[in-house]
Protein backbone atom coordinates (compact mmCIF):
# COMPACT_ATOMS: atom_id res chain seq x y z
CA MET A 1 200.73 -68.18 -60.04
CA GLN A 2 200.07 -71.34 -58.70
CA PHE A 3 198.81 -69.12 -55.22
CA ARG A 4 196.22 -67.36 -57.65
CA PHE A 5 195.26 -70.76 -59.35
CA ARG A 6 194.08 -72.11 -55.56
CA LEU A 7 192.37 -69.23 -54.83
CA LEU A 8 190.38 -69.25 -58.20
CA LEU A 9 189.57 -73.18 -57.24
CA LEU A 10 188.88 -72.53 -53.96
CA ALA A 11 186.25 -69.60 -55.03
CA LEU A 12 184.78 -72.10 -57.86
CA CYS A 13 184.03 -74.83 -55.05
CA PHE A 14 182.26 -72.08 -52.80
CA SER A 15 180.31 -70.69 -55.66
CA LEU A 16 178.91 -74.44 -56.82
CA PRO A 17 175.49 -75.82 -55.49
CA SER A 18 175.51 -78.31 -52.67
CA PHE A 19 174.03 -81.85 -53.37
CA GLY A 20 174.65 -83.37 -49.78
CA GLN A 21 172.15 -84.95 -47.53
CA ASP A 22 172.20 -82.00 -45.06
CA ASP A 23 171.26 -79.39 -47.60
CA GLU A 24 167.92 -78.15 -46.16
CA LYS A 25 166.42 -77.58 -49.61
CA VAL A 26 166.02 -80.83 -50.23
CA GLU A 27 162.08 -81.97 -49.10
CA LYS A 28 162.12 -84.70 -46.72
CA LYS A 29 159.27 -87.51 -47.95
CA PRO A 30 156.23 -87.38 -45.21
CA ALA A 31 156.09 -89.70 -42.75
CA PRO A 32 153.38 -92.34 -43.36
CA PRO A 33 150.05 -91.62 -41.15
CA ASN A 34 149.80 -94.02 -38.09
CA ILE A 35 146.56 -95.82 -37.45
CA VAL A 36 144.78 -96.70 -34.35
CA LEU A 37 141.50 -98.45 -33.25
CA ILE A 38 139.96 -98.24 -30.33
CA ILE A 39 137.47 -100.66 -29.93
CA ALA A 40 134.72 -100.96 -27.29
CA ASP A 41 132.86 -103.79 -26.11
CA ASP A 42 129.15 -103.88 -26.35
CA LEU A 43 128.57 -100.00 -26.13
CA ASN A 44 125.56 -98.35 -27.63
CA TRP A 45 125.85 -96.00 -30.19
CA ASP A 46 124.28 -92.80 -28.45
CA ASP A 47 125.46 -93.90 -24.92
CA SER A 48 127.99 -91.17 -24.75
CA THR A 49 128.35 -87.45 -24.31
CA PRO A 50 129.15 -86.75 -28.08
CA TYR A 51 125.91 -88.25 -28.94
CA GLY A 52 123.77 -86.14 -26.53
CA HIS A 53 123.77 -88.52 -23.54
CA LYS A 54 122.88 -86.32 -20.40
CA THR A 55 124.14 -88.48 -17.71
CA ILE A 56 127.05 -90.40 -18.87
CA SER A 57 130.15 -88.19 -18.98
CA THR A 58 132.93 -89.12 -21.64
CA PRO A 59 135.22 -85.70 -21.97
CA ASN A 60 137.62 -87.65 -23.92
CA LEU A 61 134.94 -89.15 -26.51
CA GLN A 62 134.05 -85.41 -26.69
CA ARG A 63 137.39 -84.37 -27.41
CA MET A 64 137.64 -86.72 -30.02
CA ALA A 65 134.22 -85.14 -31.80
CA ASP A 66 135.53 -81.63 -30.98
CA GLU A 67 138.88 -82.32 -32.53
CA GLY A 68 137.62 -84.39 -35.63
CA MET A 69 134.66 -85.83 -37.13
CA ARG A 70 131.52 -87.79 -35.65
CA PHE A 71 129.81 -90.19 -37.80
CA ASP A 72 125.85 -90.35 -37.29
CA ASN A 73 125.22 -93.51 -39.49
CA ALA A 74 127.97 -95.99 -38.58
CA PHE A 75 126.95 -99.63 -38.61
CA VAL A 76 128.56 -102.54 -37.65
CA THR A 77 128.26 -106.08 -39.79
CA ILE A 78 126.90 -108.05 -36.80
CA SER A 79 125.89 -107.47 -33.44
CA SER A 80 128.13 -110.26 -31.79
CA CYS A 81 131.66 -109.98 -30.52
CA SER A 82 133.84 -112.24 -32.17
CA PRO A 83 132.13 -112.44 -35.55
CA SER A 84 132.19 -108.86 -35.38
CA ARG A 85 135.82 -108.68 -34.85
CA ALA A 86 136.30 -111.17 -37.45
CA SER A 87 134.57 -108.66 -39.89
CA ILE A 88 136.47 -105.74 -39.11
CA ILE A 89 140.05 -107.46 -39.29
CA THR A 90 139.22 -109.23 -42.83
CA GLY A 91 137.31 -106.64 -44.26
CA ARG A 92 134.47 -109.40 -44.90
CA TYR A 93 131.00 -109.63 -44.05
CA PRO A 94 130.48 -112.31 -41.32
CA THR A 95 129.07 -114.83 -43.45
CA ASN A 96 132.46 -114.86 -45.61
CA THR A 97 135.05 -114.81 -42.94
CA GLY A 98 134.53 -118.68 -41.70
CA ALA A 99 134.06 -116.93 -38.12
CA ASP A 100 130.50 -115.92 -38.31
CA GLU A 101 129.43 -117.80 -35.11
CA LEU A 102 130.28 -116.63 -31.43
CA HIS A 103 133.67 -117.77 -30.28
CA TRP A 104 134.62 -119.29 -33.73
CA PRO A 105 138.32 -118.24 -34.72
CA VAL A 106 139.65 -116.46 -37.73
CA PRO A 107 140.69 -119.24 -40.28
CA ALA A 108 144.48 -118.86 -41.39
CA GLU A 109 143.63 -118.74 -44.92
CA GLN A 110 141.69 -115.46 -44.07
CA VAL A 111 143.54 -112.16 -45.80
CA THR A 112 143.74 -109.18 -43.17
CA PHE A 113 144.51 -105.56 -43.82
CA VAL A 114 146.87 -105.73 -40.84
CA GLU A 115 149.39 -108.22 -42.72
CA LYS A 116 149.39 -105.86 -45.76
CA LEU A 117 150.18 -103.01 -43.28
CA LYS A 118 152.83 -105.13 -42.06
CA GLU A 119 154.06 -105.76 -45.16
CA ALA A 120 154.42 -102.35 -46.28
CA GLY A 121 156.57 -101.66 -43.34
CA TYR A 122 154.22 -100.78 -40.60
CA TRP A 123 154.60 -102.02 -36.83
CA THR A 124 151.65 -103.47 -35.96
CA GLY A 125 150.45 -104.09 -32.13
CA ALA A 126 147.30 -105.57 -30.50
CA ALA A 127 146.63 -104.90 -26.81
CA GLY A 128 143.22 -105.64 -24.83
CA LYS A 129 140.61 -108.51 -25.58
CA TRP A 130 141.54 -110.76 -28.46
CA HIS A 131 138.90 -112.87 -29.53
CA LEU A 132 140.37 -113.59 -33.07
CA GLY A 133 141.94 -116.94 -32.55
CA ASP A 134 145.41 -118.17 -32.67
CA ALA A 135 146.00 -117.66 -36.66
CA MET A 136 145.60 -114.16 -36.28
CA ARG A 137 148.63 -113.67 -33.95
CA ASP A 138 151.29 -113.57 -36.42
CA ARG A 139 149.48 -110.57 -38.13
CA PHE A 140 150.81 -108.47 -35.32
CA ASP A 141 154.47 -107.61 -34.16
CA GLU A 142 153.18 -107.58 -30.49
CA VAL A 143 150.24 -109.19 -28.90
CA MET A 144 149.35 -108.11 -25.43
CA GLU A 145 146.10 -110.30 -24.72
CA VAL A 146 144.15 -109.83 -21.82
CA ASP A 147 142.46 -112.96 -19.93
CA THR A 148 138.78 -113.04 -20.82
CA SER A 149 138.52 -116.08 -19.00
CA GLY A 150 136.27 -113.92 -16.56
CA PHE A 151 133.71 -113.78 -18.90
CA GLN A 152 133.07 -117.72 -19.50
CA LEU A 153 131.20 -119.94 -17.83
CA PRO A 154 132.69 -122.73 -15.53
CA SER A 155 132.18 -126.24 -15.69
CA GLY A 156 130.33 -127.98 -12.94
CA GLU A 157 127.39 -126.88 -10.71
CA GLU A 158 128.58 -123.18 -10.67
CA GLY A 159 128.32 -123.20 -14.53
CA LYS A 160 125.11 -125.00 -14.69
CA LYS A 161 123.70 -122.05 -12.29
CA GLY A 162 124.73 -119.54 -14.75
CA LYS A 163 127.51 -118.00 -12.40
CA PHE A 164 130.62 -116.44 -13.97
CA LYS A 165 134.15 -116.94 -12.92
CA GLU A 166 135.77 -114.19 -11.28
CA THR A 167 139.09 -113.90 -12.75
CA LEU A 168 139.73 -110.06 -13.41
CA GLU A 169 140.38 -107.78 -10.68
CA GLY A 170 140.71 -104.18 -10.61
CA GLU A 171 142.03 -102.13 -13.68
CA ALA A 172 142.00 -105.53 -15.62
CA GLN A 173 138.61 -105.62 -15.78
CA SER A 174 138.79 -102.56 -18.01
CA GLY A 175 141.05 -104.62 -20.60
CA CYS A 176 142.71 -101.24 -21.28
CA ALA A 177 145.64 -101.75 -18.95
CA ASP A 178 148.13 -102.69 -21.64
CA TRP A 179 147.45 -99.88 -23.78
CA ILE A 180 149.84 -97.42 -23.17
CA PRO A 181 152.72 -99.96 -22.68
CA LEU A 182 151.97 -101.30 -25.91
CA ILE A 183 152.37 -97.68 -27.32
CA GLU A 184 155.77 -97.54 -25.81
CA LYS A 185 156.83 -100.98 -27.12
CA ARG A 186 156.54 -99.60 -30.81
CA ASP A 187 159.27 -99.33 -33.17
CA GLU A 188 159.82 -95.63 -33.37
CA ASP A 189 161.48 -96.09 -36.70
CA LYS A 190 158.44 -97.19 -38.17
CA PRO A 191 154.54 -95.73 -38.84
CA PHE A 192 152.37 -98.09 -36.53
CA PHE A 193 149.18 -99.62 -36.62
CA LEU A 194 147.54 -100.39 -33.18
CA TRP A 195 144.54 -102.47 -32.41
CA LEU A 196 143.17 -101.26 -28.87
CA ALA A 197 140.24 -103.84 -27.72
CA ALA A 198 138.66 -103.05 -24.50
CA LEU A 199 136.51 -105.10 -22.36
CA ASP A 200 134.64 -102.32 -20.98
CA PRO A 201 131.50 -101.97 -21.24
CA HIS A 202 130.80 -105.77 -21.70
CA ARG A 203 129.12 -107.88 -18.59
CA PRO A 204 129.52 -108.93 -15.79
CA TYR A 205 129.47 -105.60 -14.02
CA HIS A 206 131.05 -104.92 -10.60
CA GLU A 207 130.24 -102.27 -7.99
CA GLY A 208 133.09 -99.81 -6.74
CA ILE A 209 135.04 -99.30 -10.19
CA LEU A 210 134.57 -95.45 -9.83
CA PRO A 211 135.25 -93.09 -6.95
CA GLU A 212 131.63 -91.86 -7.53
CA ALA A 213 129.08 -94.02 -9.19
CA THR A 214 126.34 -93.61 -11.35
CA ASP A 215 123.38 -92.76 -9.82
CA PRO A 216 120.76 -95.12 -11.07
CA ASP A 217 117.90 -92.19 -10.65
CA THR A 218 119.56 -90.36 -13.38
CA VAL A 219 119.73 -93.38 -15.96
CA ALA A 220 117.49 -93.57 -19.20
CA VAL A 221 115.88 -96.64 -19.59
CA ALA A 222 114.99 -97.40 -23.08
CA PRO A 223 110.95 -97.65 -23.67
CA TYR A 224 111.00 -101.24 -24.42
CA HIS A 225 112.85 -102.17 -20.93
CA ALA A 226 110.86 -102.16 -17.62
CA ASP A 227 111.60 -99.32 -15.49
CA THR A 228 112.41 -100.88 -12.17
CA PRO A 229 115.02 -100.36 -9.79
CA GLU A 230 117.03 -103.42 -10.90
CA THR A 231 116.98 -102.42 -14.18
CA ARG A 232 118.05 -98.56 -13.23
CA LYS A 233 120.64 -100.15 -11.02
CA ASP A 234 121.93 -102.20 -14.03
CA TYR A 235 122.05 -99.50 -16.32
CA ALA A 236 124.10 -97.39 -13.69
CA LEU A 237 126.94 -99.88 -13.75
CA TYR A 238 127.03 -100.09 -17.50
CA TYR A 239 127.64 -96.36 -17.36
CA ASP A 240 130.26 -96.93 -15.06
CA GLU A 241 132.19 -98.73 -17.17
CA ILE A 242 131.78 -96.52 -20.31
CA ILE A 243 133.09 -93.71 -17.79
CA ARG A 244 136.10 -95.94 -17.19
CA LEU A 245 136.55 -96.48 -20.91
CA ASP A 246 136.71 -92.77 -21.53
CA LYS A 247 139.48 -92.12 -19.37
CA TYR A 248 141.68 -94.80 -21.16
CA VAL A 249 140.68 -93.26 -24.38
CA GLY A 250 142.03 -89.95 -22.58
CA MET A 251 145.41 -91.45 -21.94
CA VAL A 252 146.02 -92.77 -25.66
CA LEU A 253 145.47 -89.58 -27.08
CA ASP A 254 147.55 -87.78 -24.22
CA LYS A 255 150.66 -90.51 -25.17
CA LEU A 256 150.20 -89.96 -28.92
CA GLU A 257 150.60 -86.20 -28.19
CA GLU A 258 153.57 -86.57 -25.79
CA GLU A 259 155.36 -88.78 -28.42
CA GLY A 260 154.55 -86.12 -31.05
CA VAL A 261 152.71 -87.93 -33.56
CA GLY A 262 148.96 -87.11 -32.61
CA ASP A 263 148.55 -84.68 -35.62
CA ASN A 264 149.74 -87.25 -37.91
CA THR A 265 147.62 -90.25 -36.38
CA MET A 266 144.53 -91.34 -37.34
CA VAL A 267 142.27 -92.48 -34.28
CA LEU A 268 139.06 -94.20 -34.65
CA PHE A 269 136.92 -94.99 -31.95
CA PHE A 270 133.96 -97.38 -32.49
CA SER A 271 132.19 -100.44 -30.63
CA ASP A 272 131.90 -103.98 -31.65
CA ASN A 273 128.18 -104.17 -31.23
CA GLY A 274 125.41 -102.70 -29.09
CA ARG A 275 124.47 -102.49 -25.63
CA PRO A 276 124.53 -105.76 -23.76
CA PHE A 277 120.90 -105.83 -22.74
CA PRO A 278 117.64 -107.37 -24.09
CA ARG A 279 116.57 -106.44 -27.31
CA ASP A 280 119.81 -104.67 -28.02
CA LYS A 281 123.09 -106.64 -28.45
CA THR A 282 122.37 -109.67 -30.99
CA THR A 283 119.59 -107.81 -32.61
CA MET A 284 119.39 -106.15 -36.15
CA TYR A 285 117.84 -102.95 -34.29
CA ASP A 286 120.19 -99.68 -34.39
CA SER A 287 120.74 -100.49 -30.49
CA GLY A 288 122.26 -103.81 -31.70
CA ILE A 289 124.13 -102.80 -34.73
CA LYS A 290 124.66 -99.22 -34.73
CA THR A 291 127.82 -97.64 -33.26
CA PRO A 292 129.73 -94.52 -32.09
CA TRP A 293 132.10 -93.57 -34.66
CA LEU A 294 134.54 -91.17 -34.02
CA VAL A 295 137.60 -90.16 -36.23
CA ARG A 296 140.45 -87.78 -35.06
CA TRP A 297 143.25 -87.23 -37.33
CA PRO A 298 144.49 -83.36 -37.26
CA ASP A 299 146.51 -83.26 -40.01
CA ARG A 300 143.50 -84.26 -42.39
CA VAL A 301 140.25 -84.09 -40.34
CA LYS A 302 138.81 -80.52 -40.04
CA ALA A 303 137.88 -80.21 -36.24
CA GLY A 304 134.30 -80.29 -35.20
CA THR A 305 132.69 -81.93 -38.32
CA VAL A 306 129.51 -84.35 -38.69
CA SER A 307 129.15 -86.91 -41.18
CA LYS A 308 125.65 -88.64 -41.68
CA ARG A 309 126.81 -90.77 -44.47
CA LEU A 310 126.43 -94.36 -44.17
CA VAL A 311 129.65 -96.39 -43.25
CA SER A 312 130.28 -99.90 -42.00
CA ALA A 313 132.80 -101.68 -40.09
CA VAL A 314 133.38 -103.63 -43.59
CA ASP A 315 134.95 -100.43 -44.80
CA ILE A 316 137.60 -99.86 -42.38
CA ALA A 317 139.98 -102.45 -43.91
CA PRO A 318 140.10 -100.64 -47.43
CA THR A 319 140.31 -97.21 -45.81
CA ALA A 320 143.32 -98.04 -43.52
CA LEU A 321 145.15 -99.31 -46.66
CA GLU A 322 144.34 -96.39 -48.56
CA ILE A 323 145.57 -94.20 -45.79
CA ALA A 324 148.71 -96.19 -46.00
CA GLY A 325 149.20 -95.88 -49.83
CA ILE A 326 148.87 -99.39 -50.06
CA ASP A 327 147.53 -100.43 -53.50
CA GLU A 328 145.40 -103.77 -52.36
CA ARG A 329 143.64 -105.18 -55.81
CA GLU A 330 142.72 -107.97 -54.25
CA LYS A 331 139.09 -108.87 -54.21
CA THR A 332 139.08 -110.08 -50.80
CA PHE A 333 137.92 -106.96 -49.24
CA GLU A 334 134.83 -106.41 -49.35
CA GLY A 335 134.11 -102.82 -47.98
CA ARG A 336 134.36 -99.37 -49.58
CA SER A 337 137.24 -96.72 -48.27
CA PHE A 338 135.71 -93.48 -46.43
CA LEU A 339 138.80 -91.78 -46.67
CA LYS A 340 137.23 -89.24 -49.14
CA THR A 341 134.37 -88.68 -46.57
CA LEU A 342 137.00 -87.90 -43.99
CA ASP A 343 137.98 -84.79 -46.25
CA ASP A 344 133.92 -84.02 -47.06
CA PRO A 345 131.35 -85.20 -44.63
CA GLU A 346 128.80 -84.90 -47.39
CA HIS A 347 130.86 -87.73 -49.47
CA ALA A 348 128.42 -90.94 -49.36
CA ILE A 349 130.68 -94.17 -50.28
CA ARG A 350 127.12 -96.38 -50.03
CA GLU A 351 123.52 -96.25 -50.07
CA PHE A 352 123.01 -99.32 -47.87
CA VAL A 353 124.78 -101.06 -44.94
CA PHE A 354 123.86 -104.55 -44.44
CA ALA A 355 124.10 -106.71 -41.07
CA GLU A 356 123.71 -110.61 -40.19
CA LYS A 357 122.77 -112.37 -37.01
CA ASN A 358 124.06 -116.16 -36.54
CA TRP A 359 124.20 -118.48 -33.76
CA HIS A 360 124.91 -116.55 -30.45
CA ASP A 361 124.43 -118.78 -27.43
CA TYR A 362 120.93 -119.47 -29.20
CA GLU A 363 120.03 -120.28 -32.60
CA ASP A 364 119.12 -117.58 -35.04
CA HIS A 365 119.42 -116.47 -38.72
CA VAL A 366 118.47 -113.07 -39.28
CA ARG A 367 119.84 -110.55 -42.10
CA ALA A 368 118.89 -106.58 -42.50
CA VAL A 369 119.92 -103.73 -44.84
CA ARG A 370 119.35 -99.90 -43.70
CA ASN A 371 120.05 -96.77 -45.52
CA GLU A 372 119.80 -93.23 -44.08
CA ARG A 373 116.16 -93.78 -42.90
CA TYR A 374 114.37 -97.30 -43.44
CA LYS A 375 115.50 -100.60 -41.85
CA TYR A 376 114.29 -103.90 -43.37
CA ILE A 377 114.90 -106.89 -41.10
CA ARG A 378 114.06 -110.44 -42.43
CA ASN A 379 114.09 -113.50 -39.68
CA ALA A 380 114.51 -116.87 -41.31
CA TYR A 381 113.65 -118.81 -38.29
CA ASN A 382 110.73 -116.93 -36.95
CA ASP A 383 109.37 -119.46 -35.14
CA LEU A 384 111.87 -118.79 -32.53
CA PRO A 385 111.30 -115.92 -29.90
CA GLN A 386 113.96 -113.37 -29.75
CA THR A 387 115.91 -114.36 -27.04
CA PRO A 388 118.89 -112.06 -25.22
CA SER A 389 122.17 -113.31 -25.68
CA ALA A 390 123.39 -115.21 -22.50
CA ASP A 391 124.73 -112.59 -20.41
CA SER A 392 121.98 -110.37 -21.34
CA ALA A 393 119.29 -113.17 -20.34
CA ARG A 394 121.00 -113.29 -16.85
CA SER A 395 120.96 -109.52 -16.37
CA PRO A 396 118.79 -107.71 -13.74
CA THR A 397 117.10 -105.96 -16.69
CA PHE A 398 115.76 -109.25 -18.28
CA GLU A 399 114.71 -110.59 -14.92
CA SER A 400 112.32 -107.38 -14.59
CA LEU A 401 111.06 -107.90 -17.87
CA LYS A 402 110.15 -111.58 -17.15
CA LYS A 403 108.69 -110.45 -13.72
CA TRP A 404 106.68 -107.56 -15.42
CA ARG A 405 105.28 -110.17 -18.10
CA ASP A 406 104.20 -113.03 -15.48
CA GLU A 407 102.33 -109.74 -14.15
CA GLY A 408 100.64 -108.67 -17.09
CA LYS A 409 102.55 -105.51 -16.93
CA LEU A 410 104.36 -105.42 -20.11
CA LEU A 411 103.38 -103.04 -22.78
CA PRO A 412 103.22 -104.68 -26.34
CA HIS A 413 106.46 -103.03 -27.48
CA GLN A 414 108.18 -104.62 -24.03
CA MET A 415 107.20 -107.70 -25.35
CA GLY A 416 110.07 -108.15 -28.05
CA CYS A 417 111.81 -110.88 -26.40
CA PHE A 418 108.70 -113.14 -26.00
CA ILE A 419 106.92 -113.07 -29.15
CA GLN A 420 106.71 -116.50 -30.80
CA PRO A 421 106.70 -116.88 -33.67
CA ARG A 422 108.11 -113.44 -34.74
CA PRO A 423 107.09 -111.42 -37.83
CA LYS A 424 109.17 -112.95 -40.89
CA GLU A 425 109.64 -109.23 -41.85
CA GLU A 426 110.06 -105.93 -40.21
CA LEU A 427 110.24 -102.42 -41.83
CA TYR A 428 110.84 -99.40 -39.86
CA ASP A 429 111.64 -95.64 -40.21
CA THR A 430 114.21 -94.86 -38.21
CA VAL A 431 113.70 -91.26 -38.64
CA ALA A 432 110.06 -91.17 -37.13
CA ASP A 433 110.62 -94.17 -35.06
CA PRO A 434 114.41 -94.30 -33.43
CA TYR A 435 113.25 -97.25 -31.18
CA GLU A 436 111.99 -98.95 -34.06
CA LEU A 437 108.63 -100.09 -32.30
CA ASN A 438 106.44 -99.70 -35.00
CA ASN A 439 106.85 -102.44 -37.67
CA LEU A 440 105.63 -101.28 -41.27
CA ALA A 441 106.17 -104.30 -42.94
CA ALA A 442 102.48 -105.13 -43.48
CA ASP A 443 101.36 -101.13 -43.90
CA GLU A 444 100.50 -101.08 -47.98
CA ARG A 445 101.55 -97.36 -47.91
CA TYR A 446 105.06 -98.69 -47.45
CA GLU A 447 105.05 -101.42 -49.91
CA PRO A 448 107.31 -99.65 -52.55
CA VAL A 449 110.11 -98.85 -49.46
CA LEU A 450 109.28 -102.58 -48.43
CA ASN A 451 110.01 -103.90 -52.00
CA ALA A 452 113.16 -101.72 -52.71
CA MET A 453 114.64 -102.78 -49.30
CA ARG A 454 113.78 -106.62 -49.96
CA GLU A 455 115.35 -106.11 -53.36
CA ALA A 456 118.54 -104.48 -51.82
CA LEU A 457 119.18 -107.19 -49.35
CA GLY A 458 118.58 -109.95 -52.36
CA GLU A 459 121.44 -108.52 -54.13
CA TRP A 460 123.50 -108.48 -51.29
CA GLU A 461 123.16 -112.07 -50.45
CA LYS A 462 123.82 -113.20 -54.04
CA ARG A 463 127.23 -111.03 -54.02
CA THR A 464 128.43 -112.36 -50.91
CA GLY A 465 126.96 -115.99 -51.39
CA ASP A 466 125.02 -115.77 -48.21
CA PHE A 467 122.10 -118.39 -47.28
CA PRO A 468 120.91 -120.20 -44.21
CA PRO A 469 123.07 -123.05 -42.73
CA ASP A 470 122.65 -126.29 -44.09
CA LEU A 471 121.81 -127.40 -40.57
CA ARG A 472 119.88 -125.76 -37.41
CA THR A 473 122.30 -125.33 -34.88
CA ALA A 474 121.00 -126.40 -31.06
CA ASP A 475 121.13 -123.87 -28.37
CA GLU A 476 123.65 -123.85 -25.89
CA PHE A 477 121.31 -122.56 -23.18
CA ASP A 478 117.68 -123.35 -22.20
CA ARG A 479 115.81 -120.70 -23.54
CA VAL A 480 113.48 -120.55 -20.59
CA THR A 481 115.80 -121.43 -17.48
CA GLY A 482 119.06 -119.96 -19.05
CA VAL A 483 120.45 -123.15 -18.07
CA PRO A 484 123.33 -124.45 -19.98
CA THR A 485 122.71 -127.54 -22.16
CA ALA A 486 124.91 -130.19 -23.27
CA ALA A 487 124.73 -129.22 -26.73
CA ARG A 488 127.51 -126.81 -28.54
CA VAL A 489 127.91 -128.76 -32.02
CA ARG A 490 128.43 -126.61 -34.71
CA PRO A 491 127.11 -127.91 -38.19
CA ARG A 492 129.61 -128.30 -40.82
CA TRP A 493 129.58 -126.30 -43.80
CA SER A 494 128.92 -128.06 -47.18
CA LYS A 495 131.38 -127.51 -49.81
CA GLU A 496 129.20 -125.27 -51.83
CA ARG A 497 129.09 -122.55 -48.97
CA MET A 498 132.89 -122.78 -48.23
CA VAL A 499 133.51 -121.94 -52.22
CA LYS A 500 131.17 -119.20 -52.06
CA ALA A 501 132.90 -117.81 -48.91
CA GLY A 502 136.37 -118.05 -50.33
CA LEU A 503 137.63 -120.94 -47.91
CA ALA A 504 137.66 -123.62 -50.30
CA ALA A 505 138.73 -124.43 -54.23
CA GLU A 506 135.85 -125.20 -56.46
């Protein structure tokens, strides 16, 4: 009897469902997506293969476009390195970051999307160019910063001559050498966020960085530059750095695949601002603020898709938070998530993008608004010429422009850096006039467009609390000779502006 009871009990045990952890029927919660930002330094929006460039070979950027989505109307909020990065990490327009001028660090009080990811369990790492300030370091679990002193002018006589120190050698010049080591340092038990910031293709340039250098005869010189042998060589060295950067992009993609996380990782490639040449970097033209924007995310983004909808660098922060499933209701982030656009390339998240120019080596205050066709620019300090950034002003390309100017060879559309005073307002049809050479602001036929763009910019200024600085800031370099001046004193913000920027209480 006892024997039969034991058999019955044993059979009953085998017939009961198992609720153990090893049951294959129990669905595992999917791992949160990983997020990787690859940030080029001074790369023009169309200087790569995915955007149709005939000379610059970038097979890895092409791979990103082929395996993901290419955006054709992506913009940064400012055409200046460190303020652009401050805007990206805070998800705010430069005027509200407290770091809206070159080399200003991001204040510790600023909220960033990176610490929100970290608080939610993400491992966060940064490698390459930093340019964010010391207060941002604790937002990351690991920071592998490259020395950028090679970009700075030294003190003394060499600095007065405008000569850079040459402290970066070999692969360190790219700023990308620590990208793979950073990936290898990540906590494999956590989702991860990576901020991979290149130095390429920022100046200064070096010859011999590639086994086969770009032939200057093959470059495409912009119509507003002087087509001289010196300009062509300058362009060719710039191309070489883009090609070098592309190699590191490929290494990152391969590493993610090797570690089995490529499909569940959103990789976004873009640039902090445009080409480091006259009339490009630090301007509000598309060659200053329009950026390449490639997203690869095999688990979600359909391969080979293209979106012509507007996106802004200020949109990265809310997108990253939505991807991570973080319900962030703080009003600090001023952008809009473009996650739905990744699902549907026709989905629009905004009608306009906005950009600004503040002090960058030279004093200026410019604001711009753009929709998918028209660009409106307002120059607050139109008494000043559109002097290029200091690195561009020392370039062979600018030397060629000055030489042709002195020889009377420049065409009207090549005089952009020397016109003084500038027009207070500029309006361009970027479809009919992609180089923005024909200012339509005084054309009566475009008055309705001009008024609509003025209104859009005015509403943005009210919403962000943006207005010209309390004091005009002295130039750091002489506009004619390029020699550094003794002035590098920034005006203090008024209490009113600090309050509007969210950096002080009322």
